[in-house]
N, C-alpha and C. Protein backbone atom coordinates (compact mmCIF):
# COMPACT_ATOMS: atom_id res chain seq x y z
N MET A 1 1.06 -1.05 0.01
CA MET A 1 0.08 -0.12 0.01
C MET A 1 0.94 1.19 -0.05
N ILE A 2 1.91 1.02 0.77
CA ILE A 2 2.65 2.47 0.80
C ILE A 2 3.56 2.43 -0.24
N ALA A 3 4.04 1.13 -0.61
CA ALA A 3 4.50 1.36 -2.35
C ALA A 3 3.98 1.92 -3.07
N ASP A 4 2.56 1.50 -3.29
CA ASP A 4 1.91 1.97 -4.18
C ASP A 4 1.69 3.51 -3.92
N MET A 5 1.45 4.08 -3.12
CA MET A 5 1.08 5.57 -2.60
C MET A 5 2.53 6.24 -3.37
N PHE A 6 3.77 5.69 -2.92
CA PHE A 6 5.13 6.11 -3.22
C PHE A 6 4.76 6.43 -4.78
N PHE A 7 4.63 5.37 -5.68
CA PHE A 7 4.70 5.52 -7.07
C PHE A 7 3.81 6.36 -7.46
N LEU A 8 2.67 6.28 -6.85
CA LEU A 8 1.42 7.10 -7.33
C LEU A 8 1.74 8.73 -7.14
N ASN A 9 2.67 9.02 -5.87
CA ASN A 9 3.17 10.08 -5.96
C ASN A 9 4.26 10.57 -6.96
N ALA A 10 4.91 9.56 -7.34
CA ALA A 10 6.23 10.10 -7.91
C ALA A 10 5.86 10.19 -9.33
N PHE A 11 4.53 9.57 -9.91
CA PHE A 11 4.04 9.91 -11.20
C PHE A 11 3.09 11.01 -11.18
N LEU A 12 2.66 11.21 -10.23
CA LEU A 12 1.83 12.53 -10.35
C LEU A 12 2.72 13.61 -10.53
N ALA A 13 3.72 13.43 -9.26
CA ALA A 13 4.89 14.53 -9.41
C ALA A 13 5.51 14.75 -10.72
N GLY A 14 6.07 13.69 -11.59
CA GLY A 14 6.42 13.70 -12.74
C GLY A 14 5.72 14.15 -13.52
N SER A 15 4.08 13.84 -13.79
CA SER A 15 3.31 14.26 -14.94
C SER A 15 3.11 15.81 -14.38
N LEU A 16 2.73 16.41 -13.33
CA LEU A 16 2.18 17.69 -13.05
C LEU A 16 3.92 18.67 -13.26
N LEU A 17 5.00 18.20 -12.95
CA LEU A 17 6.09 18.98 -13.15
C LEU A 17 6.31 19.40 -14.70
N PHE A 18 6.12 17.94 -15.35
CA PHE A 18 6.69 18.03 -16.73
C PHE A 18 5.99 17.87 -17.59
N GLY A 19 4.44 17.57 -17.42
CA GLY A 19 3.41 17.58 -18.24
C GLY A 19 3.96 16.25 -19.71
N GLY A 20 3.04 15.95 -20.19
CA GLY A 20 3.21 15.06 -21.46
C GLY A 20 3.94 15.96 -22.69
N ALA A 21 4.14 15.04 -23.71
CA ALA A 21 4.99 15.81 -24.76
C ALA A 21 3.86 16.94 -25.30
N GLY A 22 4.23 18.16 -25.30
CA GLY A 22 3.54 19.11 -25.88
C GLY A 22 2.83 19.62 -25.19
N GLU A 23 2.40 19.30 -23.60
CA GLU A 23 1.62 19.60 -22.70
C GLU A 23 2.29 21.14 -21.93
N GLY A 24 3.59 21.39 -22.39
CA GLY A 24 4.16 22.52 -21.76
C GLY A 24 4.86 22.67 -19.99
N GLY A 25 4.66 21.41 -19.84
CA GLY A 25 5.22 21.25 -18.21
C GLY A 25 6.45 21.63 -18.17
N GLU A 26 7.08 21.81 -17.08
CA GLU A 26 8.38 22.70 -17.05
C GLU A 26 8.55 22.48 -15.41
N TRP A 27 10.34 22.77 -15.44
CA TRP A 27 10.55 22.82 -13.74
C TRP A 27 11.14 24.15 -14.02
N PRO A 28 11.31 24.70 -12.58
CA PRO A 28 11.98 25.78 -12.42
C PRO A 28 13.18 26.11 -13.22
N SER A 29 13.19 27.17 -13.81
CA SER A 29 14.97 27.44 -14.52
C SER A 29 16.02 27.55 -13.34
N LEU A 30 16.76 26.74 -13.57
CA LEU A 30 18.15 26.72 -12.55
C LEU A 30 19.28 26.88 -13.27
N PRO A 31 19.97 27.77 -12.54
CA PRO A 31 20.89 28.25 -12.96
C PRO A 31 22.07 27.32 -13.02
N SER A 32 23.23 27.36 -13.98
CA SER A 32 24.44 26.67 -13.79
C SER A 32 25.68 27.61 -13.81
N PRO A 33 26.92 26.80 -13.30
CA PRO A 33 27.98 27.72 -13.32
C PRO A 33 28.39 28.31 -14.64
N ASP A 34 28.06 27.90 -15.84
CA ASP A 34 28.41 28.37 -17.15
C ASP A 34 27.53 29.46 -17.31
N GLY A 35 27.04 29.81 -16.34
CA GLY A 35 26.35 31.28 -16.53
C GLY A 35 24.96 31.07 -17.24
N HIS A 36 24.45 30.19 -17.86
CA HIS A 36 23.00 29.96 -18.19
C HIS A 36 22.05 29.28 -17.32
N ALA A 37 20.65 29.24 -17.78
CA ALA A 37 19.79 28.53 -16.80
C ALA A 37 18.90 27.72 -17.91
N TYR A 38 18.38 26.34 -17.11
CA TYR A 38 18.44 25.33 -17.65
C TYR A 38 16.87 24.90 -17.11
N ARG A 39 15.98 24.43 -18.14
CA ARG A 39 14.73 24.01 -17.85
C ARG A 39 14.63 22.40 -18.63
N ILE A 40 13.67 21.59 -17.94
CA ILE A 40 13.42 20.29 -18.49
C ILE A 40 13.21 20.33 -19.95
N SER A 41 12.68 21.26 -20.73
CA SER A 41 12.35 21.91 -22.42
C SER A 41 13.79 21.76 -23.08
N ASP A 42 15.12 22.05 -22.00
CA ASP A 42 15.82 21.95 -22.80
C ASP A 42 16.66 20.75 -22.82
N PHE A 43 16.12 19.61 -22.64
CA PHE A 43 16.82 18.27 -22.51
C PHE A 43 15.62 17.52 -23.54
N GLU A 44 15.02 18.13 -24.30
CA GLU A 44 13.74 17.15 -25.07
C GLU A 44 14.27 16.22 -26.01
N GLU A 45 15.33 16.67 -26.75
CA GLU A 45 15.90 16.09 -27.62
C GLU A 45 16.44 14.45 -26.94
N SER A 46 16.96 14.44 -25.78
CA SER A 46 17.47 13.10 -25.17
C SER A 46 16.23 12.36 -25.07
N ARG A 47 16.23 10.88 -25.14
CA ARG A 47 15.60 9.97 -24.49
C ARG A 47 15.15 10.12 -23.04
N LEU A 48 16.53 9.94 -22.44
CA LEU A 48 16.00 10.06 -20.78
C LEU A 48 16.73 11.30 -20.04
N VAL A 49 16.69 11.45 -19.22
CA VAL A 49 17.18 12.38 -18.27
C VAL A 49 17.52 11.82 -17.04
N VAL A 50 18.91 11.77 -16.50
CA VAL A 50 18.92 11.29 -15.29
C VAL A 50 19.40 12.43 -14.41
N LEU A 51 18.55 12.71 -13.37
CA LEU A 51 18.66 13.80 -12.57
C LEU A 51 19.02 13.43 -11.11
N VAL A 52 20.00 13.92 -10.66
CA VAL A 52 21.00 13.29 -9.64
C VAL A 52 21.18 14.54 -8.59
N PHE A 53 20.31 14.68 -7.30
CA PHE A 53 20.52 15.75 -6.34
C PHE A 53 21.37 15.22 -5.55
N THR A 54 22.48 16.79 -5.50
CA THR A 54 23.49 16.45 -4.56
C THR A 54 23.86 17.56 -4.13
N GLY A 55 25.24 17.66 -3.50
CA GLY A 55 25.90 18.94 -2.85
C GLY A 55 27.37 18.67 -2.48
N ASN A 56 28.02 20.02 -2.94
CA ASN A 56 29.58 19.85 -3.20
C ASN A 56 30.19 19.36 -1.82
N THR A 57 29.56 19.95 -0.59
CA THR A 57 30.59 19.41 0.95
C THR A 57 29.85 18.07 1.11
N CYS A 58 28.98 17.33 0.84
CA CYS A 58 28.53 16.00 1.23
C CYS A 58 29.52 14.85 0.73
N PRO A 59 30.32 14.31 1.65
CA PRO A 59 31.46 13.49 1.50
C PRO A 59 30.57 12.43 0.16
N ILE A 60 29.70 11.91 0.68
CA ILE A 60 29.16 10.91 -0.10
C ILE A 60 28.85 11.01 -1.08
N ALA A 61 28.49 12.29 -1.59
CA ALA A 61 28.07 12.73 -2.82
C ALA A 61 29.05 13.06 -3.66
N ALA A 62 30.66 13.38 -3.17
CA ALA A 62 31.58 13.65 -3.38
C ALA A 62 32.41 12.28 -4.47
N ASP A 63 32.24 11.62 -3.51
CA ASP A 63 32.67 10.00 -3.61
C ASP A 63 31.97 9.39 -4.82
N TYR A 64 31.00 9.98 -5.21
CA TYR A 64 30.38 9.47 -6.68
C TYR A 64 30.65 10.17 -7.80
N ASP A 65 31.11 11.14 -7.67
CA ASP A 65 31.54 12.23 -8.79
C ASP A 65 32.23 11.45 -9.54
N ALA A 66 33.32 11.12 -9.76
CA ALA A 66 34.11 10.14 -10.56
C ALA A 66 33.27 9.13 -11.28
N ARG A 67 32.05 8.37 -10.51
CA ARG A 67 31.39 7.46 -11.11
C ARG A 67 30.14 7.95 -11.80
N LEU A 68 29.84 9.06 -11.54
CA LEU A 68 28.65 9.95 -12.10
C LEU A 68 29.39 10.18 -13.49
N ASN A 69 30.42 10.65 -13.39
CA ASN A 69 31.29 11.23 -14.76
C ASN A 69 31.38 10.12 -15.68
N ALA A 70 31.58 9.11 -15.29
CA ALA A 70 32.15 8.13 -15.62
C ALA A 70 31.13 7.10 -16.49
N LEU A 71 29.63 7.15 -16.11
CA LEU A 71 28.55 6.65 -16.11
C LEU A 71 27.98 7.43 -17.51
N ALA A 72 28.35 8.49 -17.26
CA ALA A 72 27.80 9.98 -18.02
C ALA A 72 28.38 9.75 -19.49
N GLY A 73 29.76 9.21 -19.37
CA GLY A 73 30.40 9.20 -20.62
C GLY A 73 30.24 8.00 -21.31
N ARG A 74 29.55 7.06 -20.96
CA ARG A 74 29.30 6.07 -21.57
C ARG A 74 27.92 6.23 -22.41
N PHE A 75 27.13 7.07 -22.24
CA PHE A 75 25.81 7.26 -22.87
C PHE A 75 26.09 8.75 -24.01
N ASP A 76 25.59 8.33 -25.04
CA ASP A 76 25.32 9.62 -26.05
C ASP A 76 24.62 10.53 -25.54
N PRO A 77 24.80 11.91 -25.09
CA PRO A 77 24.07 12.74 -24.47
C PRO A 77 22.55 13.09 -25.16
N ARG A 78 22.30 12.48 -26.79
CA ARG A 78 21.34 12.95 -27.28
C ARG A 78 20.45 11.66 -26.70
N GLN A 79 20.93 10.65 -26.19
CA GLN A 79 20.12 9.49 -25.57
C GLN A 79 19.82 9.85 -24.23
N VAL A 80 20.73 9.97 -23.47
CA VAL A 80 20.76 10.21 -21.86
C VAL A 80 21.60 11.69 -21.65
N ARG A 81 20.61 12.59 -20.91
CA ARG A 81 20.98 13.60 -20.25
C ARG A 81 21.34 13.43 -18.78
N PHE A 82 22.68 13.60 -18.44
CA PHE A 82 22.98 13.84 -16.77
C PHE A 82 23.00 15.21 -16.31
N VAL A 83 22.04 15.42 -15.45
CA VAL A 83 21.67 16.80 -14.78
C VAL A 83 21.87 16.33 -13.13
N ALA A 84 23.12 16.81 -12.56
CA ALA A 84 23.35 17.01 -11.18
C ALA A 84 23.00 18.24 -10.67
N VAL A 85 21.75 18.38 -9.59
CA VAL A 85 21.43 19.57 -8.97
C VAL A 85 21.70 19.90 -7.67
N ASN A 86 22.24 20.70 -7.54
CA ASN A 86 23.11 20.94 -5.90
C ASN A 86 21.93 21.70 -5.19
N VAL A 87 21.84 20.90 -4.22
CA VAL A 87 20.07 21.10 -2.98
C VAL A 87 20.80 21.72 -1.77
N ALA A 88 22.20 21.93 -1.79
CA ALA A 88 22.83 21.94 -0.39
C ALA A 88 23.15 23.45 0.02
N ASP A 89 23.06 23.56 1.26
CA ASP A 89 22.93 25.03 2.02
C ASP A 89 24.34 25.55 2.72
N GLY A 90 24.82 26.16 2.71
CA GLY A 90 26.05 26.88 3.52
C GLY A 90 27.39 26.76 2.88
N PRO A 91 28.67 27.14 3.35
CA PRO A 91 29.76 27.12 2.95
C PRO A 91 30.08 26.55 2.06
N GLY A 92 30.55 26.40 0.67
CA GLY A 92 30.93 25.29 -0.22
C GLY A 92 30.35 25.29 -0.94
N GLU A 93 28.98 25.52 -1.40
CA GLU A 93 27.83 25.06 -1.91
C GLU A 93 27.29 26.31 -2.80
N SER A 94 27.89 27.32 -2.91
CA SER A 94 27.51 28.43 -3.95
C SER A 94 27.69 27.87 -5.44
N ILE A 95 27.16 28.87 -6.30
CA ILE A 95 27.44 28.67 -7.77
C ILE A 95 29.01 28.78 -7.92
N GLU A 96 29.61 29.55 -7.49
CA GLU A 96 30.92 30.17 -7.56
C GLU A 96 31.80 28.65 -7.41
N ASP A 97 31.56 28.16 -6.15
CA ASP A 97 32.04 27.17 -5.69
C ASP A 97 31.65 25.88 -6.20
N MET A 98 30.72 25.69 -7.22
CA MET A 98 30.29 24.73 -7.86
C MET A 98 31.02 24.56 -9.35
N LYS A 99 31.60 25.49 -9.56
CA LYS A 99 32.53 25.75 -10.78
C LYS A 99 33.50 24.77 -11.08
N ASP A 100 34.17 24.14 -9.94
CA ASP A 100 35.07 23.40 -10.02
C ASP A 100 34.64 21.85 -10.32
N ARG A 101 33.53 21.16 -9.93
CA ARG A 101 33.08 20.09 -10.09
C ARG A 101 32.21 20.23 -11.37
N ALA A 102 31.61 21.74 -11.74
CA ALA A 102 30.87 21.27 -13.15
C ALA A 102 32.10 21.32 -14.21
N GLY A 103 33.27 21.82 -13.99
CA GLY A 103 34.42 21.54 -15.41
C GLY A 103 34.72 20.17 -15.90
N SER A 104 34.20 18.91 -14.58
CA SER A 104 34.96 17.87 -15.07
C SER A 104 33.61 17.13 -15.75
N GLY A 105 33.68 15.96 -16.72
CA GLY A 105 33.03 15.12 -17.08
C GLY A 105 31.75 15.71 -17.79
N GLY A 106 30.93 14.57 -17.58
CA GLY A 106 29.87 14.94 -18.76
C GLY A 106 28.37 15.48 -18.01
N LEU A 107 28.70 15.77 -16.63
CA LEU A 107 27.46 16.09 -15.97
C LEU A 107 26.94 17.46 -16.27
N LEU A 108 25.90 18.23 -16.18
CA LEU A 108 25.64 19.20 -15.95
C LEU A 108 25.51 19.80 -15.02
N TYR A 109 25.91 20.75 -14.24
CA TYR A 109 25.62 21.09 -12.88
C TYR A 109 24.72 22.27 -12.85
N LEU A 110 23.67 22.40 -11.89
CA LEU A 110 22.51 23.06 -11.44
C LEU A 110 22.60 23.28 -10.18
N LYS A 111 22.11 24.64 -9.83
CA LYS A 111 21.61 24.95 -8.52
C LYS A 111 20.34 25.26 -8.10
N ASP A 112 19.73 24.50 -7.17
CA ASP A 112 18.32 24.69 -6.90
C ASP A 112 18.54 25.23 -5.51
N GLU A 113 18.34 26.54 -5.31
CA GLU A 113 18.61 27.14 -4.19
C GLU A 113 17.49 27.20 -3.37
N ALA A 114 16.22 27.38 -4.02
CA ALA A 114 15.15 27.58 -3.14
C ALA A 114 14.31 25.85 -2.88
N LYS A 115 15.48 24.78 -3.47
CA LYS A 115 14.87 23.28 -3.58
C LYS A 115 13.42 22.82 -3.99
N ALA A 116 13.16 23.55 -5.05
CA ALA A 116 11.85 23.71 -5.81
C ALA A 116 11.78 22.47 -6.28
N LEU A 117 12.68 22.38 -7.06
CA LEU A 117 13.16 20.57 -7.92
C LEU A 117 12.97 19.65 -7.20
N ALA A 118 13.85 19.73 -5.74
CA ALA A 118 14.04 18.59 -4.86
C ALA A 118 12.84 18.20 -4.47
N ARG A 119 11.94 19.21 -3.81
CA ARG A 119 10.24 19.24 -3.04
C ARG A 119 9.90 18.54 -4.18
N LYS A 120 9.59 18.90 -5.44
CA LYS A 120 8.85 18.42 -6.22
C LYS A 120 9.00 16.53 -6.42
N PHE A 121 10.37 16.41 -6.40
CA PHE A 121 10.73 15.12 -6.68
C PHE A 121 10.70 14.27 -5.36
N ASP A 122 10.35 14.93 -4.07
CA ASP A 122 10.81 14.30 -2.67
C ASP A 122 12.13 14.01 -2.32
N ALA A 123 13.12 14.80 -3.17
CA ALA A 123 14.74 13.95 -2.97
C ALA A 123 14.79 14.03 -1.24
N ARG A 124 15.54 13.25 -0.64
CA ARG A 124 15.85 13.18 0.62
C ARG A 124 17.46 13.44 0.91
N VAL A 125 18.07 12.61 0.16
CA VAL A 125 19.36 12.66 0.36
C VAL A 125 20.15 12.94 -0.67
N THR A 126 21.84 13.53 -0.61
CA THR A 126 22.50 13.87 -1.92
C THR A 126 23.22 12.62 -1.58
N PRO A 127 23.64 11.73 -2.61
CA PRO A 127 22.79 11.94 -3.92
C PRO A 127 21.59 10.79 -3.81
N HIS A 128 20.69 11.63 -4.83
CA HIS A 128 19.57 10.52 -4.97
C HIS A 128 19.15 10.78 -6.18
N ALA A 129 18.82 9.55 -6.90
CA ALA A 129 18.97 9.54 -8.55
C ALA A 129 17.58 9.30 -9.03
N PHE A 130 17.22 10.02 -10.14
CA PHE A 130 15.90 9.74 -10.67
C PHE A 130 16.35 9.62 -12.38
N VAL A 131 15.59 8.67 -12.93
CA VAL A 131 15.64 8.24 -14.22
C VAL A 131 14.35 8.89 -14.74
N LEU A 132 14.44 9.78 -15.94
CA LEU A 132 13.07 10.35 -16.20
C LEU A 132 13.24 9.81 -17.80
N ALA A 133 11.77 9.57 -17.93
CA ALA A 133 11.37 9.09 -19.52
C ALA A 133 10.56 9.82 -20.15
N GLU A 134 10.34 9.62 -21.52
CA GLU A 134 8.95 10.57 -21.95
C GLU A 134 9.09 11.71 -22.07
N ARG A 135 10.31 12.52 -22.12
CA ARG A 135 10.70 13.94 -21.86
C ARG A 135 10.24 14.25 -20.52
N GLY A 136 10.46 13.59 -19.47
CA GLY A 136 10.50 13.99 -18.13
C GLY A 136 9.23 13.23 -17.57
N SER A 137 8.51 12.78 -18.48
CA SER A 137 7.03 13.05 -17.76
C SER A 137 6.74 11.61 -16.75
N ARG A 138 7.85 10.59 -16.72
CA ARG A 138 7.66 9.51 -16.26
C ARG A 138 8.90 9.16 -15.31
N VAL A 139 8.98 9.16 -14.24
CA VAL A 139 10.06 8.52 -13.74
C VAL A 139 10.20 6.72 -13.67
N VAL A 140 11.40 6.55 -13.86
CA VAL A 140 11.26 5.02 -14.11
C VAL A 140 12.02 4.45 -13.19
N TYR A 141 12.82 5.36 -12.37
CA TYR A 141 13.88 4.62 -11.52
C TYR A 141 13.97 5.75 -10.56
N GLN A 142 14.23 5.81 -9.14
CA GLN A 142 14.75 6.57 -8.23
C GLN A 142 15.23 5.82 -7.16
N GLY A 143 16.44 6.71 -6.66
CA GLY A 143 16.68 5.95 -5.42
C GLY A 143 18.26 6.11 -5.66
N ALA A 144 19.51 5.12 -4.85
CA ALA A 144 20.47 4.64 -4.89
C ALA A 144 21.17 4.70 -6.47
N ILE A 145 22.74 5.16 -6.47
CA ILE A 145 23.22 5.08 -7.48
C ILE A 145 23.61 3.56 -7.61
N ASP A 146 23.88 3.22 -6.70
CA ASP A 146 24.71 1.72 -6.73
C ASP A 146 24.51 1.39 -5.20
N ASP A 147 24.81 0.00 -4.99
CA ASP A 147 24.65 -0.70 -3.74
C ASP A 147 26.08 -0.22 -2.77
N ASN A 148 27.11 0.46 -3.04
CA ASN A 148 28.06 0.43 -2.40
C ASN A 148 28.58 2.14 -2.20
N PRO A 149 28.08 3.02 -1.72
CA PRO A 149 28.52 4.27 -1.65
C PRO A 149 30.23 4.29 -1.17
N ALA A 150 30.76 3.48 -0.77
CA ALA A 150 32.08 3.69 -0.01
C ALA A 150 32.99 3.23 -0.92
N ASP A 151 32.69 2.34 -1.91
CA ASP A 151 33.74 1.80 -2.77
C ASP A 151 33.47 1.03 -3.71
N ALA A 152 33.57 2.03 -4.86
CA ALA A 152 33.45 1.69 -6.28
C ALA A 152 34.00 0.34 -6.68
N ALA A 153 35.09 -0.12 -6.44
CA ALA A 153 35.56 -1.11 -6.80
C ALA A 153 34.89 -2.68 -6.30
N LYS A 154 33.75 -2.08 -5.42
CA LYS A 154 33.13 -3.24 -4.86
C LYS A 154 31.44 -3.30 -5.13
N VAL A 155 31.40 -2.59 -5.90
CA VAL A 155 29.80 -2.61 -6.60
C VAL A 155 29.53 -3.73 -6.73
N ARG A 156 28.59 -4.28 -6.43
CA ARG A 156 28.13 -5.26 -7.28
C ARG A 156 26.47 -5.35 -7.86
N ARG A 157 25.45 -4.18 -7.54
CA ARG A 157 24.69 -3.94 -8.13
C ARG A 157 24.54 -2.42 -8.48
N PRO A 158 24.97 -1.98 -10.13
CA PRO A 158 24.95 -0.62 -10.30
C PRO A 158 23.41 -0.27 -10.51
N PHE A 159 22.53 -0.02 -9.65
CA PHE A 159 20.88 0.09 -9.84
C PHE A 159 20.95 1.25 -10.97
N LEU A 160 21.49 2.45 -10.95
CA LEU A 160 21.29 3.57 -11.94
C LEU A 160 21.59 2.59 -13.34
N GLU A 161 22.79 2.49 -13.65
CA GLU A 161 23.04 2.00 -14.70
C GLU A 161 22.11 0.85 -15.54
N GLN A 162 21.67 0.06 -14.58
CA GLN A 162 20.55 -0.85 -15.11
C GLN A 162 19.27 -0.10 -15.69
N ALA A 163 19.01 0.61 -14.63
CA ALA A 163 17.71 1.15 -14.91
C ALA A 163 18.08 2.03 -16.61
N ILE A 164 18.92 2.86 -16.71
CA ILE A 164 19.20 3.34 -17.62
C ILE A 164 19.14 2.77 -19.12
N ARG A 165 19.83 1.79 -18.82
CA ARG A 165 19.76 0.69 -19.93
C ARG A 165 18.79 -0.10 -20.33
N ALA A 166 17.75 -0.36 -19.38
CA ALA A 166 16.63 -1.03 -19.33
C ALA A 166 15.48 0.10 -20.05
N ALA A 167 15.28 1.27 -19.51
CA ALA A 167 14.60 2.18 -20.28
C ALA A 167 15.16 2.27 -21.74
N LEU A 168 16.31 2.43 -21.74
CA LEU A 168 16.80 2.71 -23.61
C LEU A 168 16.27 1.49 -24.29
N GLU A 169 16.33 0.26 -23.87
CA GLU A 169 15.75 -0.64 -24.45
C GLU A 169 14.13 -0.85 -24.40
N GLY A 170 13.28 -0.09 -24.08
CA GLY A 170 11.87 0.11 -23.79
C GLY A 170 11.24 -0.62 -22.68
N LYS A 171 12.12 -1.00 -21.84
CA LYS A 171 11.88 -2.24 -20.86
C LYS A 171 11.89 -1.08 -19.21
N SER A 172 10.97 -1.86 -18.60
CA SER A 172 11.13 -1.16 -17.37
C SER A 172 12.17 -1.87 -16.32
N PRO A 173 12.88 -0.94 -15.65
CA PRO A 173 13.88 -1.65 -15.12
C PRO A 173 13.56 -2.60 -13.78
N ALA A 174 14.37 -3.76 -14.00
CA ALA A 174 14.10 -4.72 -12.84
C ALA A 174 14.06 -4.21 -11.63
N VAL A 175 14.51 -3.28 -11.20
CA VAL A 175 14.53 -2.74 -9.43
C VAL A 175 14.55 -0.77 -10.00
N SER A 176 13.27 -0.87 -9.49
CA SER A 176 12.89 0.77 -10.09
C SER A 176 12.77 1.54 -9.27
N ARG A 177 12.82 0.87 -7.50
CA ARG A 177 13.16 1.83 -6.53
C ARG A 177 14.06 1.16 -5.60
N THR A 178 14.90 2.10 -4.85
CA THR A 178 15.73 1.80 -4.06
C THR A 178 15.77 2.87 -3.02
N THR A 179 16.43 2.74 -1.90
CA THR A 179 16.60 3.41 -0.63
C THR A 179 18.28 4.19 -0.82
N PRO A 180 17.98 5.76 -1.23
CA PRO A 180 19.69 6.15 -1.23
C PRO A 180 20.43 6.27 -0.09
N LYS A 181 21.26 6.40 0.15
CA LYS A 181 22.13 6.83 1.21
C LYS A 181 22.90 8.03 0.98
N GLY A 182 22.67 8.68 2.05
CA GLY A 182 23.75 9.90 1.85
C GLY A 182 23.78 11.06 2.63
N CYS A 183 23.66 12.30 2.33
CA CYS A 183 23.88 13.13 3.63
C CYS A 183 22.17 13.94 3.46
N SER A 184 21.54 14.22 4.35
CA SER A 184 20.18 14.62 4.76
C SER A 184 20.13 16.00 3.75
N ILE A 185 18.97 15.88 2.85
CA ILE A 185 18.42 17.24 2.43
C ILE A 185 17.56 17.99 3.44
N LEU A 186 17.99 19.39 3.66
CA LEU A 186 17.28 19.91 4.63
C LEU A 186 16.37 21.12 3.92
N TYR A 187 15.13 20.72 4.30
CA TYR A 187 14.32 21.76 3.69
C TYR A 187 13.39 22.37 4.96
């Protein structure tokens, strides 16, 4: 029952936030260290959007930087667009502080100062990943990036990558929801 309510909420959040194709649903315009602001419509050409809520100073999120950049590098951005959204507050979390992280890999970094997007997705920790299909109108996966936040060499279940590959093949992921571990997002 609780799982059913969660999936209904995730579906409704996705539908209300993004709308279906041609319905004009949007997310808030979020700034990037590159000086531009982005919305979901900026990624319409990609089949999937991977949205990862993160923070600069969260050690667990920082441990995932190399893994996320490597994963992003394995996919054509026209197929899968990776977007990291900084939702953390405090020293080290400004747009200026994000420039070092934004300069590496295939991730686009955005800042959600008001945490509006994080609230809509009910993101709880950094990192918290979501795979969005159908121009962002459907959440096909949400949760942990993999099963070992501490040691990339010991990962046995790459949940996020498995979900992306399944969605690209037009299938539902074998695991569509996991519990992410990380630094709490303070609302």
